[in-house]
Protein backbone atom coordinates (compact mmCIF):
# COMPACT_ATOMS: atom_id res chain seq x y z
CA MET A 1 -11.82 5.62 17.23
CA SER A 2 -9.33 7.36 19.70
CA SER A 3 -9.29 4.31 21.35
CA CYS A 4 -8.18 2.55 18.47
CA TYR A 5 -5.04 5.24 18.00
CA GLU A 6 -3.97 4.64 21.64
CA VAL A 7 -3.60 0.71 21.36
CA PHE A 8 -0.98 1.15 17.98
CA PRO A 9 0.58 4.81 18.80
CA SER A 10 2.32 5.82 15.22
CA GLN A 11 5.43 6.30 17.29
CA ASP A 12 5.53 3.10 19.10
CA LEU A 13 8.23 0.82 17.48
CA PRO A 14 9.55 -1.89 19.34
CA TYR A 15 12.75 -0.71 17.29
CA PRO A 16 14.46 2.28 16.87
CA ILE A 17 15.09 3.22 12.99
CA GLN A 18 18.00 5.90 12.53
CA SER A 19 17.11 7.17 8.58
CA ARG A 20 14.90 9.72 7.79
CA LEU A 21 11.20 8.81 7.15
CA PRO A 22 9.19 9.57 4.89
CA VAL A 23 6.54 12.63 5.49
CA ILE A 24 2.94 12.72 5.23
CA SER A 25 2.20 15.41 2.50
CA ASP A 26 -0.61 18.13 2.82
CA ILE A 27 -1.48 17.81 -0.96
CA ASP A 28 -4.96 19.64 -1.19
CA GLY A 29 -7.96 17.34 -0.92
CA LEU A 30 -5.67 13.83 -0.43
CA SER A 31 -4.84 12.03 2.78
CA ASN A 32 -2.00 9.49 3.78
CA PHE A 33 0.72 10.81 0.28
CA ARG A 34 3.85 10.10 0.65
CA ASP A 35 7.01 9.44 -1.46
CA VAL A 36 8.59 6.29 -0.46
CA GLY A 37 12.28 7.57 -1.05
CA GLY A 38 14.86 7.61 0.99
CA TYR A 39 14.84 4.06 2.88
CA PRO A 40 18.28 2.61 2.71
CA VAL A 41 18.40 -0.99 1.13
CA ALA A 42 20.57 -3.43 2.32
CA GLY A 43 23.98 -3.54 1.16
CA GLY A 44 24.09 0.25 0.22
CA GLY A 45 22.01 2.73 -1.31
CA SER A 46 18.42 3.61 -1.31
CA ILE A 47 15.27 4.14 -2.84
CA LYS A 48 15.25 7.14 -4.89
CA LYS A 49 13.68 10.30 -4.05
CA GLY A 50 10.67 11.65 -6.25
CA LEU A 51 9.72 8.25 -7.88
CA LEU A 52 7.55 5.93 -5.76
CA PHE A 53 4.63 7.78 -4.53
CA ARG A 54 1.50 6.42 -2.27
CA SER A 55 -1.93 7.58 -1.19
CA SER A 56 -5.46 7.05 -0.90
CA ASN A 57 -8.01 8.06 -3.21
CA LEU A 58 -7.87 11.27 -5.09
CA GLN A 59 -11.41 11.79 -5.62
CA ASP A 60 -11.26 14.68 -3.64
CA VAL A 61 -8.39 16.49 -5.00
CA PRO A 62 -8.84 20.18 -6.26
CA LYS A 63 -7.48 21.70 -8.93
CA VAL A 64 -4.73 22.95 -6.70
CA GLY A 65 -3.78 19.42 -5.42
CA ALA A 66 -3.67 17.58 -9.13
CA GLU A 67 -1.30 20.70 -10.08
CA LYS A 68 1.25 19.60 -7.50
CA LEU A 69 0.79 16.35 -8.45
CA ARG A 70 1.97 17.40 -11.78
CA THR A 71 4.70 19.89 -11.67
CA ARG A 72 5.97 19.38 -7.96
CA HIS A 73 6.20 15.70 -7.71
CA GLY A 74 6.19 15.05 -11.90
CA ILE A 75 3.69 12.28 -10.96
CA HIS A 76 3.56 10.77 -14.54
CA ALA A 77 1.29 7.75 -14.18
CA ILE A 78 -1.44 6.93 -11.30
CA PHE A 79 -2.34 3.73 -10.61
CA ASP A 80 -5.77 2.74 -9.08
CA LEU A 81 -6.13 -0.34 -7.00
CA ARG A 82 -9.93 -0.28 -6.54
CA SER A 83 -12.18 -2.39 -8.19
CA GLY A 84 -15.15 -1.28 -10.45
CA ILE A 85 -17.56 -0.81 -8.20
CA GLU A 86 -15.74 1.32 -5.90
CA VAL A 87 -14.31 3.51 -8.66
CA PRO A 88 -16.36 6.92 -9.37
CA PRO A 89 -16.48 8.97 -12.28
CA PRO A 90 -13.25 10.35 -13.36
CA ASN A 91 -11.84 13.29 -11.21
CA ARG A 92 -11.78 16.47 -13.95
CA HIS A 93 -8.82 17.91 -12.64
CA LEU A 94 -6.43 14.89 -13.27
CA SER A 95 -6.81 14.41 -16.76
CA ALA A 96 -3.78 15.64 -17.19
CA ILE A 97 -2.30 12.49 -15.59
CA PRO A 98 -2.84 9.09 -17.03
CA ILE A 99 -4.80 6.60 -14.82
CA THR A 100 -4.25 3.16 -14.85
CA HIS A 101 -7.41 1.18 -13.33
CA ALA A 102 -5.89 -2.01 -12.31
CA PRO A 103 -8.17 -3.58 -9.74
CA ALA A 104 -7.06 -5.64 -6.96
CA LEU A 105 -9.39 -7.97 -5.72
CA SER A 106 -11.48 -7.60 -8.45
CA ASP A 107 -14.14 -10.46 -7.48
CA LEU A 108 -14.04 -9.81 -3.90
CA ASN A 109 -17.68 -11.10 -2.79
CA ASP A 110 -19.93 -10.14 0.21
CA ASP A 111 -19.38 -13.33 1.69
CA ARG A 112 -15.73 -12.94 2.16
CA ILE A 113 -16.00 -9.40 3.31
CA LEU A 114 -18.51 -10.42 6.46
CA ASP A 115 -16.06 -13.30 6.93
CA TYR A 116 -13.11 -10.95 6.94
CA LEU A 117 -15.25 -8.47 9.86
CA GLU A 118 -16.50 -11.13 11.79
CA SER A 119 -12.93 -12.80 12.39
CA LEU A 120 -11.69 -9.22 13.02
CA ALA A 121 -14.17 -9.49 15.81
CA THR A 122 -13.58 -12.47 17.83
CA ASP A 123 -9.90 -13.77 16.50
CA ASP A 124 -6.50 -12.34 16.59
CA THR A 125 -6.74 -8.80 15.03
CA SER A 126 -3.27 -8.84 13.34
CA THR A 127 -3.35 -12.65 12.11
CA VAL A 128 -6.67 -12.06 10.53
CA THR A 129 -5.30 -9.10 8.77
CA ALA A 130 -2.23 -10.49 7.84
CA GLU A 131 -3.59 -13.85 6.56
CA LEU A 132 -6.20 -11.46 4.36
CA TYR A 133 -3.01 -9.47 2.89
CA LEU A 134 -1.44 -12.56 1.75
CA TRP A 135 -4.78 -13.64 0.22
CA ILE A 136 -4.64 -10.41 -1.27
CA CYS A 137 -0.66 -11.63 -3.14
CA ALA A 138 -2.44 -14.35 -4.58
CA MET A 139 -5.97 -12.60 -5.58
CA SER A 140 -4.39 -9.40 -7.58
CA THR A 141 -1.63 -10.88 -9.74
CA ALA A 142 -2.70 -8.61 -12.72
CA ALA A 143 -3.06 -5.47 -10.73
CA PHE A 144 0.44 -6.07 -9.74
CA ARG A 145 1.90 -7.01 -12.66
CA ALA A 146 0.66 -3.87 -14.18
CA VAL A 147 2.52 -1.95 -11.47
CA PHE A 148 5.47 -3.96 -11.45
CA THR A 149 5.64 -3.66 -15.27
CA TYR A 150 5.55 0.21 -15.10
CA LEU A 151 8.35 0.32 -12.96
CA ARG A 152 10.38 -2.00 -15.18
CA ASP A 153 9.57 -0.02 -18.58
CA ASN A 154 9.67 3.44 -17.28
CA PRO A 155 12.91 4.76 -15.42
CA GLN A 156 12.93 7.81 -13.95
CA CYS A 157 9.15 8.29 -14.22
CA PRO A 158 7.39 9.09 -10.68
CA ILE A 159 4.28 6.64 -10.03
CA LEU A 160 1.55 7.06 -7.57
CA ILE A 161 -0.22 4.01 -6.28
CA HIS A 162 -3.35 4.47 -3.99
CA CYS A 163 -6.83 2.38 -3.13
CA GLU A 164 -9.34 3.52 -1.20
CA LEU A 165 -7.51 4.14 2.14
CA GLY A 166 -3.84 3.68 1.36
CA LYS A 167 -3.22 1.21 3.63
CA TYR A 168 -4.45 -2.21 2.27
CA ARG A 169 -4.03 -2.94 -0.91
CA THR A 170 -1.78 -0.39 -1.42
CA GLY A 171 0.08 -1.14 1.59
CA ILE A 172 0.52 -4.74 0.28
CA CYS A 173 1.47 -3.99 -3.17
CA MET A 174 4.23 -1.27 -1.76
CA ALA A 175 5.42 -3.96 1.13
CA ILE A 176 6.31 -6.15 -2.24
CA ILE A 177 8.33 -3.48 -3.96
CA LEU A 178 10.12 -2.84 -1.51
CA LEU A 179 10.73 -6.68 -0.01
CA MET A 180 11.80 -6.83 -4.02
CA LEU A 181 14.50 -4.05 -3.27
CA GLY A 182 15.96 -5.36 -0.13
CA PHE A 183 14.62 -3.52 2.16
CA SER A 184 15.02 -4.28 5.73
CA ASP A 185 11.56 -5.38 7.70
CA GLN A 186 11.54 -2.38 10.27
CA HIS A 187 11.35 0.01 7.19
CA ILE A 188 8.47 -1.72 5.74
CA ILE A 189 6.49 -2.04 8.98
CA ARG A 190 7.42 1.33 9.68
CA ASP A 191 6.17 2.53 6.15
CA TYR A 192 3.10 0.72 6.88
CA GLN A 193 2.05 2.16 10.13
CA LEU A 194 2.72 5.68 9.01
CA SER A 195 -0.85 5.05 6.95
CA GLN A 196 -2.32 4.76 10.93
CA ASP A 197 -2.04 8.69 11.04
CA GLY A 198 -2.29 9.44 7.41
CA ILE A 199 -5.77 8.13 7.37
CA LYS A 200 -6.84 9.48 10.66
CA SER A 201 -8.75 12.00 9.41
CA ILE A 202 -10.92 9.95 6.78
CA ILE A 203 -11.76 7.92 9.07
CA PRO A 204 -15.31 8.89 10.16
CA GLU A 205 -16.43 9.24 7.10
CA ARG A 206 -14.92 5.78 5.50
CA ARG A 207 -16.70 4.11 8.50
CA LEU A 208 -19.82 6.05 7.65
CA LYS A 209 -19.24 4.84 4.14
CA LEU A 210 -18.95 1.12 4.87
CA LEU A 211 -22.20 1.05 7.27
CA GLN A 212 -24.50 2.28 4.16
CA LEU A 213 -22.96 -0.93 2.41
CA PRO A 214 -26.07 -3.09 1.65
CA LEU A 215 -24.29 -6.35 2.97
CA LEU A 216 -23.61 -4.28 6.20
CA VAL A 217 -26.85 -2.85 6.81
CA ASP A 218 -28.79 -5.50 8.33
CA SER A 219 -25.55 -7.43 9.38
CA ALA A 220 -24.64 -8.51 13.12
CA VAL A 221 -20.95 -7.16 12.25
CA PRO A 222 -19.78 -5.10 16.00
CA PRO A 223 -18.85 -1.81 15.90
CA VAL A 224 -15.26 -2.86 17.18
CA ALA A 225 -14.45 -4.86 13.98
CA LEU A 226 -14.98 -1.91 11.84
CA ASP A 227 -12.73 0.07 14.48
CA ARG A 228 -10.21 -2.65 14.25
CA HIS A 229 -10.20 -2.46 10.01
CA PHE A 230 -8.72 0.46 10.10
CA LEU A 231 -5.76 -0.46 12.23
CA ALA A 232 -2.32 -0.51 10.91
CA SER A 233 -0.55 -2.36 14.01
CA PRO A 234 3.10 -3.32 13.36
CA ASP A 235 2.36 -6.62 14.38
CA THR A 236 0.11 -7.44 11.25
CA MET A 237 2.87 -6.29 8.91
CA ARG A 238 5.34 -8.26 10.97
CA LYS A 239 3.09 -11.44 10.74
CA PHE A 240 2.10 -10.80 7.32
CA LEU A 241 5.73 -10.81 6.25
CA MET A 242 6.78 -14.03 7.81
CA ARG A 243 3.48 -15.62 5.53
CA PHE A 244 4.78 -14.18 2.73
CA ARG A 245 8.14 -15.58 2.89
CA GLN A 246 6.99 -19.11 3.65
CA THR A 247 4.92 -18.65 0.60
CA TYR A 248 7.33 -16.97 -2.30
CA GLY A 249 10.35 -16.93 -0.32
CA SER A 250 11.14 -13.86 -1.22
CA GLY A 251 9.91 -10.35 -2.95
CA GLN A 252 11.59 -11.47 -6.25
CA GLY A 253 10.25 -15.06 -5.55
CA TYR A 254 6.82 -13.41 -5.58
CA LEU A 255 7.67 -11.56 -8.70
CA LEU A 256 8.60 -15.08 -10.40
CA SER A 257 5.64 -16.54 -9.63
CA ILE A 258 3.43 -14.06 -11.90
CA GLY A 259 5.38 -14.19 -14.82
CA PHE A 260 8.48 -11.76 -14.07
CA SER A 261 12.19 -12.87 -15.05
CA SER A 262 15.21 -12.70 -12.61
CA ASP A 263 17.01 -9.80 -15.52
CA ASP A 264 13.28 -8.02 -14.76
CA CYS A 265 14.20 -7.96 -10.89
CA ASP A 266 17.49 -6.57 -11.51
CA ILE A 267 16.03 -3.58 -13.84
CA ILE A 268 13.45 -2.54 -11.30
CA ARG A 269 15.93 -2.09 -8.59
CA GLN A 270 18.19 -0.37 -11.33
CA ASN A 271 15.43 1.68 -11.88
CA LEU A 272 14.34 2.28 -8.30
CA ILE A 273 17.80 2.44 -6.16
CA THR A 274 20.67 4.55 -5.83
CA SER A 275 24.25 3.04 -5.83
CA PRO A 276 22.78 -0.52 -5.71
CA THR A 277 24.72 -3.86 -5.40
CA LEU A 278 22.55 -6.11 -7.33
CA SER A 279 24.30 -9.46 -7.37
CA TRP A 280 23.73 -10.75 -3.74
CA LEU A 281 20.06 -9.00 -3.43
CA ASN A 282 19.23 -12.67 -5.90
CA GLN A 283 19.88 -14.62 -3.22
CA LEU A 284 17.19 -12.69 -0.60
């Protein structure tokens, strides 16, 4: 597994970022957890700290970790983007925090999974994954609509968004949020790439879990495909952002396509950005 991480070391970016980056926190039993607050937006201001969090799944969070989420970070709501077949019995330690199951890719089938993994082994990895991410945008509109509705209607209420690894579905949802808020591509790419270190400790267990899926037991998917599945390369997010703009124009364009208004987008920005300059953002 280390060879994959040597391909895209997390500190290796083709451009510098001067602002302070979010730090992956050490919540007990939780991987890839961080506050996205602090990134600057074009035109001034930054995303408010302590409002928007992301992570991997919360199934192994013990009582002390759940208490940190509730009291130290003030999490008011958790959005679980996993599909129904992925969701085990609820974690009793998290019963004090409302959890909304908003499945992204709820109709993902075995053939699609196999096609994706086989393509990782034969084609350009970043292009294959970027196209999968664009497909996630189209197939996850109900889940993303639920997230953005909460962000619109609940100012000052910290939210945690997660899936299994906190990289794919959560990564795309977060990228759309950051695009809509006016973040630079560099910061979106960097936030995505942080997941590479964030999931490193759980990859062996998740890789074994994948290999035990019935569809993979007798498949010919080579090991390198599974290795590449866990990468969070900057080139993947860069290509996804290009394809996203070709399809939707902008983050706000995506929200308009799934039923939100320009006024909704302004409210979400007001809720999440400190000292925002809203008027020109509508043109992004």
